[in-house]
Amino acid sequence: MLSKFPRKLAATAFACALAFGQAFGTTARGVEFNLRTVDGGSITAEMLRGDVVVLAFGASWLPLSRRQVEGVQGLADEYRDRDLRVYWVSTDSEKPQSKNYATDDQIRSFARKHGLKVAVLRDPDGALFRTMGVERNQLPAVVVIDREGNVAETIGGLDPEGNLVAKLAPRLGKFFAAR
């Protein structure tokens, strides 16, 4: 009987880990998501496999997001000739009764006003964001996904005087050094 206990424990632990991963948007194949763009399209994790991806999570109502979008655009400009895909992901709610509600038009206007030219995605109420493992779920945040679709880096919060390109360059360098 005791010899079966470790196998049962291991099987239970594996099942729990698998269930945890699936519930929080990760699988053996990496992060899974399907986010709607504010222009009516959608971006899935599967579409991005093979590229390094930066998801910059923020909200139009968050003052630091204004500074963040400048850094996000700078990052996209700096890496435009490489296979880095950069997206700004709005966690604004799609529910009109929410205090954090914003329409697609409002988010597009926010992006234009702050010079953001990268695709803007919707993660209503931060559903995907909360699964990414960002410390304390702190917005704004940046999540780097590797070529296989796994979360490689998370950065919660943002130094309002910081330079996102300089901060991410050493982290992104490892993905482009061999190519």
N, C-alpha and C. Protein backbone atom coordinates (compact mmCIF):
# COMPACT_ATOMS: atom_id res chain seq x y z
N MET A 1 0.82 -1.19 0.00
CA MET A 1 0.00 0.00 0.00
C MET A 1 0.87 1.26 0.00
N LEU A 2 1.91 1.28 0.78
CA LEU A 2 2.76 2.46 0.82
C LEU A 2 3.47 2.69 -0.50
N SER A 3 3.77 1.62 -1.23
CA SER A 3 4.45 1.81 -2.51
C SER A 3 3.54 2.49 -3.53
N LYS A 4 2.24 2.38 -3.39
CA LYS A 4 1.30 3.03 -4.31
C LYS A 4 1.10 4.51 -3.96
N PHE A 5 1.36 4.86 -2.72
CA PHE A 5 1.12 6.22 -2.27
C PHE A 5 1.93 7.25 -3.07
N PRO A 6 3.25 7.06 -3.25
CA PRO A 6 4.01 8.06 -4.02
C PRO A 6 3.50 8.21 -5.45
N ARG A 7 3.10 7.10 -6.10
CA ARG A 7 2.58 7.20 -7.46
C ARG A 7 1.26 7.97 -7.48
N LYS A 8 0.40 7.70 -6.51
CA LYS A 8 -0.87 8.41 -6.45
C LYS A 8 -0.64 9.89 -6.18
N LEU A 9 0.28 10.18 -5.28
CA LEU A 9 0.61 11.57 -4.97
C LEU A 9 1.17 12.28 -6.20
N ALA A 10 2.07 11.61 -6.92
CA ALA A 10 2.65 12.20 -8.11
C ALA A 10 1.58 12.43 -9.18
N ALA A 11 0.70 11.45 -9.36
CA ALA A 11 -0.38 11.59 -10.34
C ALA A 11 -1.32 12.73 -9.97
N THR A 12 -1.63 12.85 -8.69
CA THR A 12 -2.50 13.94 -8.23
C THR A 12 -1.82 15.29 -8.43
N ALA A 13 -0.54 15.37 -8.10
CA ALA A 13 0.20 16.63 -8.28
C ALA A 13 0.25 17.02 -9.75
N PHE A 14 0.48 16.04 -10.63
CA PHE A 14 0.52 16.32 -12.06
C PHE A 14 -0.83 16.82 -12.55
N ALA A 15 -1.89 16.16 -12.14
CA ALA A 15 -3.24 16.56 -12.55
C ALA A 15 -3.56 17.97 -12.06
N CYS A 16 -3.17 18.27 -10.83
CA CYS A 16 -3.40 19.63 -10.30
C CYS A 16 -2.61 20.67 -11.08
N ALA A 17 -1.37 20.36 -11.40
CA ALA A 17 -0.54 21.31 -12.16
C ALA A 17 -1.12 21.53 -13.55
N LEU A 18 -1.58 20.45 -14.19
CA LEU A 18 -2.17 20.58 -15.51
C LEU A 18 -3.45 21.42 -15.45
N ALA A 19 -4.30 21.16 -14.48
CA ALA A 19 -5.54 21.92 -14.33
C ALA A 19 -5.23 23.38 -14.05
N PHE A 20 -4.24 23.64 -13.19
CA PHE A 20 -3.85 25.02 -12.87
C PHE A 20 -3.40 25.74 -14.14
N GLY A 21 -2.56 25.07 -14.94
CA GLY A 21 -2.05 25.68 -16.17
C GLY A 21 -3.17 25.98 -17.15
N GLN A 22 -4.11 25.07 -17.31
CA GLN A 22 -5.20 25.29 -18.25
C GLN A 22 -6.12 26.39 -17.77
N ALA A 23 -6.37 26.46 -16.49
CA ALA A 23 -7.27 27.48 -15.96
C ALA A 23 -6.68 28.88 -16.11
N PHE A 24 -5.37 28.95 -16.13
CA PHE A 24 -4.73 30.26 -16.17
C PHE A 24 -4.10 30.58 -17.51
N GLY A 25 -4.57 29.94 -18.57
CA GLY A 25 -4.14 30.33 -19.91
C GLY A 25 -2.81 29.77 -20.35
N THR A 26 -2.30 28.74 -19.68
CA THR A 26 -1.07 28.12 -20.15
C THR A 26 -1.32 26.65 -20.36
N THR A 27 -0.61 26.08 -21.29
CA THR A 27 -0.69 24.66 -21.56
C THR A 27 0.72 24.16 -21.80
N ALA A 28 0.83 22.90 -22.13
CA ALA A 28 2.15 22.35 -22.46
C ALA A 28 2.73 23.06 -23.68
N ARG A 29 1.87 23.68 -24.49
CA ARG A 29 2.31 24.41 -25.66
C ARG A 29 2.56 25.89 -25.36
N GLY A 30 2.43 26.31 -24.14
CA GLY A 30 2.68 27.70 -23.79
C GLY A 30 1.40 28.45 -23.49
N VAL A 31 1.51 29.77 -23.51
CA VAL A 31 0.38 30.64 -23.22
C VAL A 31 -0.64 30.53 -24.36
N GLU A 32 -1.90 30.50 -24.01
CA GLU A 32 -2.97 30.48 -25.02
C GLU A 32 -3.84 31.70 -24.80
N PHE A 33 -4.15 32.40 -25.88
CA PHE A 33 -5.07 33.52 -25.79
C PHE A 33 -5.65 33.83 -27.15
N ASN A 34 -6.74 34.54 -27.13
CA ASN A 34 -7.38 35.06 -28.33
C ASN A 34 -7.93 36.42 -27.91
N LEU A 35 -7.23 37.48 -28.31
CA LEU A 35 -7.61 38.83 -27.93
C LEU A 35 -8.14 39.58 -29.14
N ARG A 36 -9.19 40.33 -28.92
CA ARG A 36 -9.80 41.14 -29.95
C ARG A 36 -9.04 42.46 -30.08
N THR A 37 -8.86 42.91 -31.33
CA THR A 37 -8.25 44.22 -31.54
C THR A 37 -9.35 45.27 -31.47
N VAL A 38 -8.96 46.50 -31.22
CA VAL A 38 -9.96 47.57 -31.18
C VAL A 38 -10.45 47.92 -32.58
N ASP A 39 -9.84 47.32 -33.59
CA ASP A 39 -10.27 47.54 -34.97
C ASP A 39 -11.11 46.38 -35.50
N GLY A 40 -11.47 45.44 -34.62
CA GLY A 40 -12.37 44.37 -35.02
C GLY A 40 -11.74 43.05 -35.37
N GLY A 41 -10.44 42.96 -35.43
CA GLY A 41 -9.76 41.69 -35.73
C GLY A 41 -9.48 40.91 -34.45
N SER A 42 -8.62 39.94 -34.56
CA SER A 42 -8.20 39.21 -33.36
C SER A 42 -6.78 38.71 -33.54
N ILE A 43 -6.11 38.54 -32.44
CA ILE A 43 -4.74 38.03 -32.40
C ILE A 43 -4.76 36.84 -31.44
N THR A 44 -4.24 35.71 -31.91
CA THR A 44 -4.17 34.52 -31.05
C THR A 44 -2.71 34.19 -30.77
N ALA A 45 -2.50 33.47 -29.71
CA ALA A 45 -1.15 33.02 -29.38
C ALA A 45 -0.60 32.16 -30.50
N GLU A 46 -1.43 31.34 -31.09
CA GLU A 46 -1.00 30.46 -32.17
C GLU A 46 -0.46 31.25 -33.36
N MET A 47 -1.07 32.37 -33.67
CA MET A 47 -0.64 33.21 -34.79
C MET A 47 0.77 33.76 -34.56
N LEU A 48 1.17 33.86 -33.31
CA LEU A 48 2.43 34.51 -32.96
C LEU A 48 3.58 33.54 -32.71
N ARG A 49 3.29 32.23 -32.72
CA ARG A 49 4.35 31.24 -32.49
C ARG A 49 5.47 31.45 -33.50
N GLY A 50 6.70 31.38 -33.03
CA GLY A 50 7.86 31.60 -33.89
C GLY A 50 8.42 33.00 -33.78
N ASP A 51 7.65 33.92 -33.22
CA ASP A 51 8.11 35.29 -33.00
C ASP A 51 8.23 35.54 -31.50
N VAL A 52 9.07 36.50 -31.16
CA VAL A 52 9.12 36.98 -29.78
C VAL A 52 8.02 38.04 -29.68
N VAL A 53 7.26 38.00 -28.59
CA VAL A 53 6.10 38.88 -28.44
C VAL A 53 6.23 39.69 -27.16
N VAL A 54 5.92 40.96 -27.25
CA VAL A 54 5.83 41.81 -26.07
C VAL A 54 4.38 42.26 -25.95
N LEU A 55 3.76 41.90 -24.84
CA LEU A 55 2.41 42.37 -24.51
C LEU A 55 2.57 43.41 -23.42
N ALA A 56 2.24 44.64 -23.72
CA ALA A 56 2.32 45.73 -22.75
C ALA A 56 0.91 45.99 -22.24
N PHE A 57 0.63 45.54 -21.02
CA PHE A 57 -0.70 45.67 -20.43
C PHE A 57 -0.82 47.02 -19.73
N GLY A 58 -1.92 47.69 -19.99
CA GLY A 58 -2.20 48.97 -19.36
C GLY A 58 -3.69 49.27 -19.44
N ALA A 59 -4.05 50.47 -19.07
CA ALA A 59 -5.44 50.90 -19.11
C ALA A 59 -5.48 52.39 -19.44
N SER A 60 -6.45 52.79 -20.21
CA SER A 60 -6.51 54.19 -20.64
C SER A 60 -6.71 55.16 -19.48
N TRP A 61 -7.29 54.70 -18.38
CA TRP A 61 -7.54 55.55 -17.23
C TRP A 61 -6.31 55.67 -16.33
N LEU A 62 -5.30 54.84 -16.55
CA LEU A 62 -4.12 54.78 -15.68
C LEU A 62 -3.09 55.81 -16.14
N PRO A 63 -2.77 56.80 -15.32
CA PRO A 63 -1.82 57.83 -15.74
C PRO A 63 -0.49 57.30 -16.25
N LEU A 64 0.06 56.25 -15.62
CA LEU A 64 1.34 55.71 -16.08
C LEU A 64 1.25 55.10 -17.48
N SER A 65 0.06 54.71 -17.90
CA SER A 65 -0.08 54.12 -19.23
C SER A 65 0.25 55.14 -20.33
N ARG A 66 0.07 56.41 -20.04
CA ARG A 66 0.41 57.44 -21.04
C ARG A 66 1.91 57.39 -21.34
N ARG A 67 2.70 57.28 -20.30
CA ARG A 67 4.16 57.18 -20.47
C ARG A 67 4.53 55.81 -21.06
N GLN A 68 3.79 54.79 -20.66
CA GLN A 68 4.06 53.44 -21.14
C GLN A 68 3.91 53.35 -22.66
N VAL A 69 2.84 53.94 -23.21
CA VAL A 69 2.62 53.80 -24.65
C VAL A 69 3.74 54.45 -25.46
N GLU A 70 4.34 55.50 -24.93
CA GLU A 70 5.50 56.09 -25.61
C GLU A 70 6.65 55.08 -25.67
N GLY A 71 6.88 54.41 -24.56
CA GLY A 71 7.93 53.39 -24.52
C GLY A 71 7.62 52.20 -25.41
N VAL A 72 6.36 51.81 -25.45
CA VAL A 72 5.93 50.68 -26.28
C VAL A 72 6.17 51.01 -27.75
N GLN A 73 5.81 52.22 -28.17
CA GLN A 73 6.03 52.60 -29.56
C GLN A 73 7.53 52.68 -29.85
N GLY A 74 8.29 53.19 -28.92
CA GLY A 74 9.75 53.24 -29.09
C GLY A 74 10.34 51.84 -29.25
N LEU A 75 9.83 50.90 -28.49
CA LEU A 75 10.28 49.51 -28.58
C LEU A 75 9.95 48.93 -29.95
N ALA A 76 8.72 49.16 -30.41
CA ALA A 76 8.31 48.67 -31.72
C ALA A 76 9.17 49.29 -32.82
N ASP A 77 9.48 50.57 -32.70
CA ASP A 77 10.31 51.25 -33.69
C ASP A 77 11.74 50.68 -33.68
N GLU A 78 12.29 50.48 -32.50
CA GLU A 78 13.66 49.98 -32.36
C GLU A 78 13.82 48.58 -32.95
N TYR A 79 12.82 47.74 -32.80
CA TYR A 79 12.90 46.34 -33.24
C TYR A 79 12.08 46.05 -34.51
N ARG A 80 11.73 47.07 -35.26
CA ARG A 80 10.84 46.88 -36.42
C ARG A 80 11.42 45.95 -37.47
N ASP A 81 12.73 45.81 -37.56
CA ASP A 81 13.35 44.94 -38.56
C ASP A 81 13.63 43.54 -38.05
N ARG A 82 13.12 43.22 -36.88
CA ARG A 82 13.31 41.88 -36.30
C ARG A 82 11.94 41.25 -36.10
N ASP A 83 11.95 39.98 -35.78
CA ASP A 83 10.68 39.27 -35.59
C ASP A 83 10.17 39.43 -34.15
N LEU A 84 10.07 40.69 -33.73
CA LEU A 84 9.48 41.03 -32.44
C LEU A 84 8.11 41.65 -32.73
N ARG A 85 7.10 41.11 -32.09
CA ARG A 85 5.74 41.64 -32.24
C ARG A 85 5.39 42.35 -30.94
N VAL A 86 4.98 43.60 -31.06
CA VAL A 86 4.69 44.43 -29.89
C VAL A 86 3.22 44.84 -29.95
N TYR A 87 2.53 44.66 -28.81
CA TYR A 87 1.12 45.02 -28.71
C TYR A 87 0.88 45.77 -27.42
N TRP A 88 0.00 46.75 -27.48
CA TRP A 88 -0.47 47.37 -26.25
C TRP A 88 -1.82 46.73 -25.96
N VAL A 89 -1.99 46.23 -24.75
CA VAL A 89 -3.18 45.48 -24.38
C VAL A 89 -3.95 46.26 -23.31
N SER A 90 -5.12 46.72 -23.68
CA SER A 90 -5.97 47.48 -22.76
C SER A 90 -6.74 46.54 -21.84
N THR A 91 -6.65 46.81 -20.57
CA THR A 91 -7.42 46.04 -19.58
C THR A 91 -8.70 46.77 -19.19
N ASP A 92 -9.04 47.83 -19.93
CA ASP A 92 -10.29 48.55 -19.67
C ASP A 92 -11.47 47.61 -19.83
N SER A 93 -12.47 47.82 -19.02
CA SER A 93 -13.67 46.98 -19.06
C SER A 93 -14.51 47.26 -20.29
N GLU A 94 -15.23 46.25 -20.74
CA GLU A 94 -16.20 46.41 -21.83
C GLU A 94 -17.62 46.52 -21.28
N LYS A 95 -17.74 46.54 -19.97
CA LYS A 95 -19.06 46.62 -19.32
C LYS A 95 -19.37 48.08 -18.99
N PRO A 96 -20.42 48.64 -19.60
CA PRO A 96 -20.74 50.06 -19.36
C PRO A 96 -20.94 50.42 -17.89
N GLN A 97 -21.37 49.48 -17.07
CA GLN A 97 -21.60 49.78 -15.66
C GLN A 97 -20.30 49.83 -14.84
N SER A 98 -19.19 49.42 -15.42
CA SER A 98 -17.92 49.40 -14.71
C SER A 98 -17.31 50.80 -14.64
N LYS A 99 -16.64 51.11 -13.55
CA LYS A 99 -15.97 52.41 -13.44
C LYS A 99 -14.75 52.49 -14.36
N ASN A 100 -14.24 51.33 -14.83
CA ASN A 100 -13.09 51.28 -15.73
C ASN A 100 -13.50 51.01 -17.17
N TYR A 101 -14.72 51.37 -17.52
CA TYR A 101 -15.27 51.12 -18.85
C TYR A 101 -14.65 52.05 -19.88
N ALA A 102 -14.36 51.49 -21.06
CA ALA A 102 -13.93 52.29 -22.20
C ALA A 102 -14.38 51.59 -23.47
N THR A 103 -14.86 52.37 -24.41
CA THR A 103 -15.26 51.83 -25.70
C THR A 103 -14.01 51.65 -26.57
N ASP A 104 -14.15 50.92 -27.65
CA ASP A 104 -13.05 50.79 -28.60
C ASP A 104 -12.66 52.16 -29.14
N ASP A 105 -13.65 53.00 -29.42
CA ASP A 105 -13.36 54.36 -29.92
C ASP A 105 -12.53 55.15 -28.91
N GLN A 106 -12.87 55.04 -27.63
CA GLN A 106 -12.11 55.75 -26.60
C GLN A 106 -10.67 55.25 -26.52
N ILE A 107 -10.50 53.95 -26.63
CA ILE A 107 -9.15 53.38 -26.57
C ILE A 107 -8.35 53.76 -27.82
N ARG A 108 -8.98 53.73 -28.99
CA ARG A 108 -8.30 54.17 -30.22
C ARG A 108 -7.88 55.63 -30.10
N SER A 109 -8.76 56.46 -29.56
CA SER A 109 -8.46 57.87 -29.37
C SER A 109 -7.27 58.05 -28.41
N PHE A 110 -7.27 57.29 -27.33
CA PHE A 110 -6.16 57.32 -26.37
C PHE A 110 -4.85 56.96 -27.08
N ALA A 111 -4.88 55.90 -27.89
CA ALA A 111 -3.67 55.46 -28.59
C ALA A 111 -3.19 56.53 -29.57
N ARG A 112 -4.10 57.10 -30.34
CA ARG A 112 -3.73 58.16 -31.30
C ARG A 112 -3.14 59.38 -30.58
N LYS A 113 -3.80 59.79 -29.52
CA LYS A 113 -3.37 60.96 -28.77
C LYS A 113 -1.94 60.82 -28.26
N HIS A 114 -1.54 59.59 -27.93
CA HIS A 114 -0.21 59.36 -27.36
C HIS A 114 0.77 58.74 -28.36
N GLY A 115 0.41 58.79 -29.66
CA GLY A 115 1.34 58.38 -30.71
C GLY A 115 1.57 56.88 -30.84
N LEU A 116 0.65 56.10 -30.36
CA LEU A 116 0.80 54.64 -30.41
C LEU A 116 0.32 54.13 -31.76
N LYS A 117 1.23 53.46 -32.48
CA LYS A 117 0.89 52.94 -33.80
C LYS A 117 0.81 51.42 -33.84
N VAL A 118 1.22 50.75 -32.78
CA VAL A 118 1.13 49.29 -32.75
C VAL A 118 -0.32 48.88 -32.55
N ALA A 119 -0.61 47.62 -32.85
CA ALA A 119 -1.98 47.13 -32.67
C ALA A 119 -2.37 47.20 -31.19
N VAL A 120 -3.61 47.58 -30.97
CA VAL A 120 -4.15 47.67 -29.62
C VAL A 120 -5.16 46.55 -29.44
N LEU A 121 -4.93 45.75 -28.41
CA LEU A 121 -5.78 44.60 -28.12
C LEU A 121 -6.62 44.86 -26.89
N ARG A 122 -7.72 44.10 -26.75
CA ARG A 122 -8.59 44.20 -25.57
C ARG A 122 -8.45 42.95 -24.72
N ASP A 123 -8.18 43.15 -23.45
CA ASP A 123 -8.19 42.10 -22.43
C ASP A 123 -9.15 42.59 -21.36
N PRO A 124 -10.46 42.47 -21.63
CA PRO A 124 -11.46 43.07 -20.75
C PRO A 124 -11.28 42.68 -19.28
N ASP A 125 -11.19 43.70 -18.45
CA ASP A 125 -11.04 43.53 -17.01
C ASP A 125 -9.78 42.76 -16.63
N GLY A 126 -8.81 42.66 -17.53
CA GLY A 126 -7.53 42.03 -17.21
C GLY A 126 -7.58 40.53 -17.02
N ALA A 127 -8.50 39.85 -17.69
CA ALA A 127 -8.65 38.40 -17.52
C ALA A 127 -7.36 37.65 -17.88
N LEU A 128 -6.77 37.93 -19.04
CA LEU A 128 -5.52 37.28 -19.43
C LEU A 128 -4.37 37.79 -18.57
N PHE A 129 -4.34 39.09 -18.35
CA PHE A 129 -3.26 39.69 -17.57
C PHE A 129 -3.06 38.99 -16.23
N ARG A 130 -4.14 38.68 -15.55
CA ARG A 130 -4.03 38.05 -14.23
C ARG A 130 -3.41 36.66 -14.30
N THR A 131 -3.36 36.04 -15.47
CA THR A 131 -2.78 34.71 -15.60
C THR A 131 -1.30 34.74 -15.96
N MET A 132 -0.75 35.90 -16.22
CA MET A 132 0.60 36.00 -16.75
C MET A 132 1.72 35.94 -15.71
N GLY A 133 1.40 35.98 -14.45
CA GLY A 133 2.43 35.85 -13.43
C GLY A 133 3.17 37.12 -13.11
N VAL A 134 2.59 38.27 -13.42
CA VAL A 134 3.22 39.54 -13.08
C VAL A 134 3.09 39.74 -11.57
N GLU A 135 4.20 40.05 -10.94
CA GLU A 135 4.21 40.22 -9.50
C GLU A 135 3.15 41.23 -9.05
N ARG A 136 2.33 40.82 -8.14
CA ARG A 136 1.25 41.62 -7.55
C ARG A 136 0.25 42.12 -8.59
N ASN A 137 0.23 41.50 -9.77
CA ASN A 137 -0.68 41.94 -10.84
C ASN A 137 -0.66 43.45 -11.01
N GLN A 138 0.53 44.01 -11.03
CA GLN A 138 0.72 45.46 -11.05
C GLN A 138 0.70 46.01 -12.48
N LEU A 139 -0.21 46.94 -12.71
CA LEU A 139 -0.28 47.65 -14.00
C LEU A 139 0.44 48.98 -13.89
N PRO A 140 0.97 49.50 -14.99
CA PRO A 140 1.16 48.82 -16.25
C PRO A 140 2.21 47.72 -16.10
N ALA A 141 2.22 46.82 -17.06
CA ALA A 141 3.15 45.68 -17.01
C ALA A 141 3.55 45.29 -18.43
N VAL A 142 4.67 44.61 -18.51
CA VAL A 142 5.16 44.09 -19.78
C VAL A 142 5.40 42.60 -19.60
N VAL A 143 4.92 41.83 -20.57
CA VAL A 143 5.13 40.38 -20.58
C VAL A 143 5.81 40.04 -21.90
N VAL A 144 6.93 39.33 -21.81
CA VAL A 144 7.65 38.88 -23.00
C VAL A 144 7.36 37.39 -23.17
N ILE A 145 6.92 37.02 -24.36
CA ILE A 145 6.62 35.63 -24.68
C ILE A 145 7.66 35.16 -25.71
N ASP A 146 8.27 34.01 -25.44
CA ASP A 146 9.32 33.51 -26.33
C ASP A 146 8.73 32.90 -27.60
N ARG A 147 9.60 32.45 -28.48
CA ARG A 147 9.19 31.91 -29.78
C ARG A 147 8.31 30.66 -29.68
N GLU A 148 8.42 29.95 -28.57
CA GLU A 148 7.61 28.75 -28.36
C GLU A 148 6.28 29.07 -27.70
N GLY A 149 6.07 30.31 -27.33
CA GLY A 149 4.81 30.71 -26.72
C GLY A 149 4.79 30.67 -25.21
N ASN A 150 5.96 30.62 -24.59
CA ASN A 150 6.05 30.60 -23.13
C ASN A 150 6.36 31.99 -22.59
N VAL A 151 5.83 32.29 -21.41
CA VAL A 151 6.17 33.55 -20.76
C VAL A 151 7.63 33.48 -20.35
N ALA A 152 8.43 34.41 -20.89
CA ALA A 152 9.86 34.42 -20.63
C ALA A 152 10.24 35.48 -19.60
N GLU A 153 9.53 36.59 -19.58
CA GLU A 153 9.84 37.70 -18.67
C GLU A 153 8.54 38.41 -18.30
N THR A 154 8.48 38.90 -17.08
CA THR A 154 7.38 39.78 -16.68
C THR A 154 7.96 40.96 -15.91
N ILE A 155 7.42 42.11 -16.19
CA ILE A 155 7.83 43.32 -15.47
C ILE A 155 6.56 44.02 -15.04
N GLY A 156 6.35 44.11 -13.74
CA GLY A 156 5.17 44.80 -13.21
C GLY A 156 5.53 46.21 -12.80
N GLY A 157 4.64 47.13 -13.09
CA GLY A 157 4.89 48.52 -12.77
C GLY A 157 5.75 49.15 -13.84
N LEU A 158 5.95 50.43 -13.73
CA LEU A 158 6.73 51.15 -14.72
C LEU A 158 7.35 52.36 -14.07
N ASP A 159 8.62 52.52 -14.30
CA ASP A 159 9.30 53.72 -13.85
C ASP A 159 8.89 54.84 -14.81
N PRO A 160 8.17 55.86 -14.31
CA PRO A 160 7.68 56.90 -15.21
C PRO A 160 8.79 57.64 -15.94
N GLU A 161 9.98 57.61 -15.43
CA GLU A 161 11.10 58.26 -16.10
C GLU A 161 11.96 57.26 -16.84
N GLY A 162 11.58 56.00 -16.78
CA GLY A 162 12.39 54.93 -17.37
C GLY A 162 12.30 54.88 -18.88
N ASN A 163 13.23 54.16 -19.44
CA ASN A 163 13.31 53.97 -20.88
C ASN A 163 13.03 52.49 -21.14
N LEU A 164 11.85 52.19 -21.68
CA LEU A 164 11.45 50.81 -21.88
C LEU A 164 12.39 50.07 -22.83
N VAL A 165 12.86 50.73 -23.87
CA VAL A 165 13.77 50.10 -24.82
C VAL A 165 15.05 49.68 -24.09
N ALA A 166 15.64 50.59 -23.32
CA ALA A 166 16.86 50.27 -22.59
C ALA A 166 16.63 49.18 -21.55
N LYS A 167 15.48 49.21 -20.90
CA LYS A 167 15.19 48.21 -19.88
C LYS A 167 15.02 46.82 -20.47
N LEU A 168 14.40 46.74 -21.64
CA LEU A 168 14.13 45.43 -22.25
C LEU A 168 15.26 44.93 -23.15
N ALA A 169 16.13 45.80 -23.62
CA ALA A 169 17.19 45.40 -24.55
C ALA A 169 17.99 44.20 -24.07
N PRO A 170 18.49 44.19 -22.82
CA PRO A 170 19.25 43.01 -22.39
C PRO A 170 18.39 41.74 -22.33
N ARG A 171 17.14 41.90 -21.99
CA ARG A 171 16.24 40.74 -21.90
C ARG A 171 15.87 40.22 -23.28
N LEU A 172 15.72 41.13 -24.24
CA LEU A 172 15.34 40.72 -25.58
C LEU A 172 16.55 40.27 -26.39
N GLY A 173 17.73 40.76 -26.00
CA GLY A 173 18.95 40.40 -26.73
C GLY A 173 19.18 38.91 -26.85
N LYS A 174 18.83 38.16 -25.82
CA LYS A 174 19.05 36.71 -25.86
C LYS A 174 18.21 36.03 -26.94
N PHE A 175 17.10 36.63 -27.33
CA PHE A 175 16.25 36.03 -28.36
C PHE A 175 16.78 36.31 -29.77
N PHE A 176 17.56 37.37 -29.92
CA PHE A 176 18.01 37.76 -31.24
C PHE A 176 19.49 37.52 -31.47
N ALA A 177 20.24 37.15 -30.46
CA ALA A 177 21.69 36.95 -30.57
C ALA A 177 22.03 35.83 -31.55
N ALA A 178 21.28 34.76 -31.53
CA ALA A 178 21.60 33.59 -32.35
C ALA A 178 21.08 33.72 -33.78
N ARG A 179 20.33 34.71 -34.08
CA ARG A 179 19.73 34.82 -35.42
C ARG A 179 20.51 35.74 -36.30
